[in-house]
Structure formats: C-alpha cells, structure tokens
Protein backbone atom coordinates (compact mmCIF):
# COMPACT_ATOMS: atom_id res chain seq x y z
CA MET A 1 123.90 109.22 103.86
CA LEU A 2 125.81 108.22 106.97
CA GLU A 3 129.08 106.38 106.72
CA LYS A 4 129.37 102.76 107.82
CA PRO A 5 129.47 101.36 110.40
CA GLY A 6 126.18 102.76 111.61
CA ALA A 7 125.00 103.06 115.19
CA GLN A 8 123.51 99.56 115.26
CA ASP A 9 126.71 98.06 113.87
CA LEU A 10 128.77 99.91 116.47
CA LEU A 11 126.57 98.65 119.29
CA ALA A 12 126.87 95.09 118.00
CA ILE A 13 130.67 95.42 117.79
CA ALA A 14 130.79 96.88 121.30
CA ARG A 15 128.69 94.01 122.68
CA ASP A 16 130.78 91.36 120.94
CA THR A 17 134.01 92.98 122.15
CA LEU A 18 132.70 93.18 125.71
CA LEU A 19 131.74 89.51 125.74
CA ALA A 20 134.72 88.09 123.84
CA GLU A 21 137.61 90.24 125.02
CA ILE A 22 136.77 92.28 128.10
CA LEU A 23 134.62 89.86 130.10
CA PRO A 24 137.25 87.07 130.19
CA ALA A 25 139.82 89.55 131.55
CA LEU A 26 137.61 90.81 134.38
CA PRO A 27 137.78 89.50 137.92
CA PRO A 28 134.84 87.21 138.74
CA GLU A 29 133.15 89.79 140.97
CA LYS A 30 132.89 92.18 137.98
CA ALA A 31 131.64 89.62 135.46
CA ILE A 32 127.96 90.01 136.35
CA ALA A 33 128.09 93.76 135.71
CA ALA A 34 129.69 93.18 132.31
CA ARG A 35 127.01 90.60 131.43
CA MET A 36 124.28 93.07 132.46
CA VAL A 37 125.81 95.72 130.19
CA ALA A 38 126.00 93.22 127.33
CA ALA A 39 122.35 92.25 127.89
CA ALA A 40 121.29 95.91 127.89
CA ILE A 41 123.13 96.50 124.62
CA GLY A 42 121.43 93.44 123.13
CA ILE A 43 118.00 94.72 124.17
CA ALA A 44 118.74 98.14 122.70
CA LEU A 45 119.84 96.53 119.43
CA ARG A 46 116.74 94.39 119.14
CA GLU A 47 114.48 97.32 119.98
CA ALA A 48 116.15 99.55 117.39
CA VAL A 49 115.75 97.11 114.52
CA SER A 50 112.60 95.16 115.20
CA MET A 51 109.58 97.46 115.54
CA PRO A 52 107.13 96.46 112.83
CA PRO A 53 105.38 99.24 110.90
CA SER A 54 101.99 97.96 112.08
CA LEU A 55 102.88 99.10 115.61
CA ALA A 56 102.24 102.78 115.20
CA PRO A 57 103.09 104.41 118.53
CA ARG A 58 100.14 104.91 120.85
CA PRO A 59 100.05 106.85 124.10
CA LEU A 60 99.94 103.89 126.48
CA ALA A 61 98.57 105.85 129.44
CA GLN A 62 95.61 107.06 127.38
CA LEU A 63 95.07 103.58 125.96
CA ALA A 64 95.10 102.07 129.46
CA ALA A 65 92.56 104.65 130.64
CA ALA A 66 90.28 103.88 127.69
CA ILE A 67 90.51 100.16 128.41
CA ARG A 68 89.76 100.67 132.11
CA ALA A 69 86.78 102.85 131.19
CA GLY A 70 85.36 100.06 129.01
CA HIS A 71 85.81 101.87 125.69
CA CYS A 72 87.61 98.86 124.17
CA ASP A 73 85.47 96.06 125.59
CA PRO A 74 84.21 93.28 123.31
CA GLY A 75 81.36 94.61 121.24
CA THR A 76 82.79 98.12 120.97
CA PRO A 77 83.84 99.38 117.52
CA GLN A 78 87.54 99.58 118.42
CA HIS A 79 87.81 96.26 120.28
CA ALA A 80 89.27 94.18 117.42
CA GLU A 81 91.76 96.89 116.43
CA ILE A 82 92.98 97.46 120.00
CA ALA A 83 93.14 93.73 120.77
CA ALA A 84 95.25 93.10 117.65
CA TRP A 85 97.53 96.03 118.44
CA LEU A 86 98.01 94.87 122.05
CA ARG A 87 98.79 91.32 120.90
CA ASP A 88 101.37 92.59 118.39
CA TYR A 89 102.83 95.01 120.93
CA ALA A 90 103.19 92.29 123.59
CA ARG A 91 104.87 89.97 121.08
CA TRP A 92 107.24 92.74 119.99
CA ARG A 93 108.13 93.64 123.59
CA ALA A 94 108.82 89.97 124.36
CA ALA A 95 110.98 89.70 121.22
CA VAL A 96 112.98 92.69 122.43
CA SER A 97 113.40 91.82 126.09
CA ALA A 98 113.16 88.02 126.14
CA PRO A 99 113.39 86.57 122.61
CA LYS A 100 113.99 83.03 123.92
CA ALA A 101 110.53 83.14 125.52
CA LEU A 102 108.94 83.19 122.06
CA GLY A 103 110.71 80.01 121.01
C-alpha cells in the first residue's frame, strides 16, 4: 500500500497552493499562465477520479470507422449498446473538461 498523500492528493495540494499562494504573488502578465496550469491540474484530477466502470475503454478510431460504415446505425444489433456508451462517454468527458456545463 502506498503512503499518503497519494498522487491525487498531491495534485490537489499543488493546485490549491498555486491558486492561493503563488498566483497572487505573480505579476499580472504571468497570471494567465498560472491559471492555465491550475485548470490543467484540475482536469487531470477530475479525469483520474471520475471514470465510471461502465466506460470500458474502446478504441475510438475503430469505433468511429464502424459508425461511419453504418455498423452501428439504428436497427443494427449493437446500436443501443454503442449509443449508450457514447452518451456516457460524452457526459464523462464534459464532466472532466467542463463540469459547469453539466449544471
């Protein structure tokens, strides 16, 4: 078992420190870069902790090719499964990159 704090805890501490202590001390022209770093850390944290088990990884390029070829169209055996997976995947990606968009 790994000792605490774990990687996710360390990232959260780093983000909080950046925003609370480092950002206020930076000159204004450097503030946007610090906010971008903080946002990237936040995205990485959400991605690391939020993937639901129902989202088994799928090769997206192969899935896209199958969709373009019509193999997942309504009426095909895999349509409902693929549609549900895509809906869940899109919601998860939005939760990771833009959680405010989900309300």
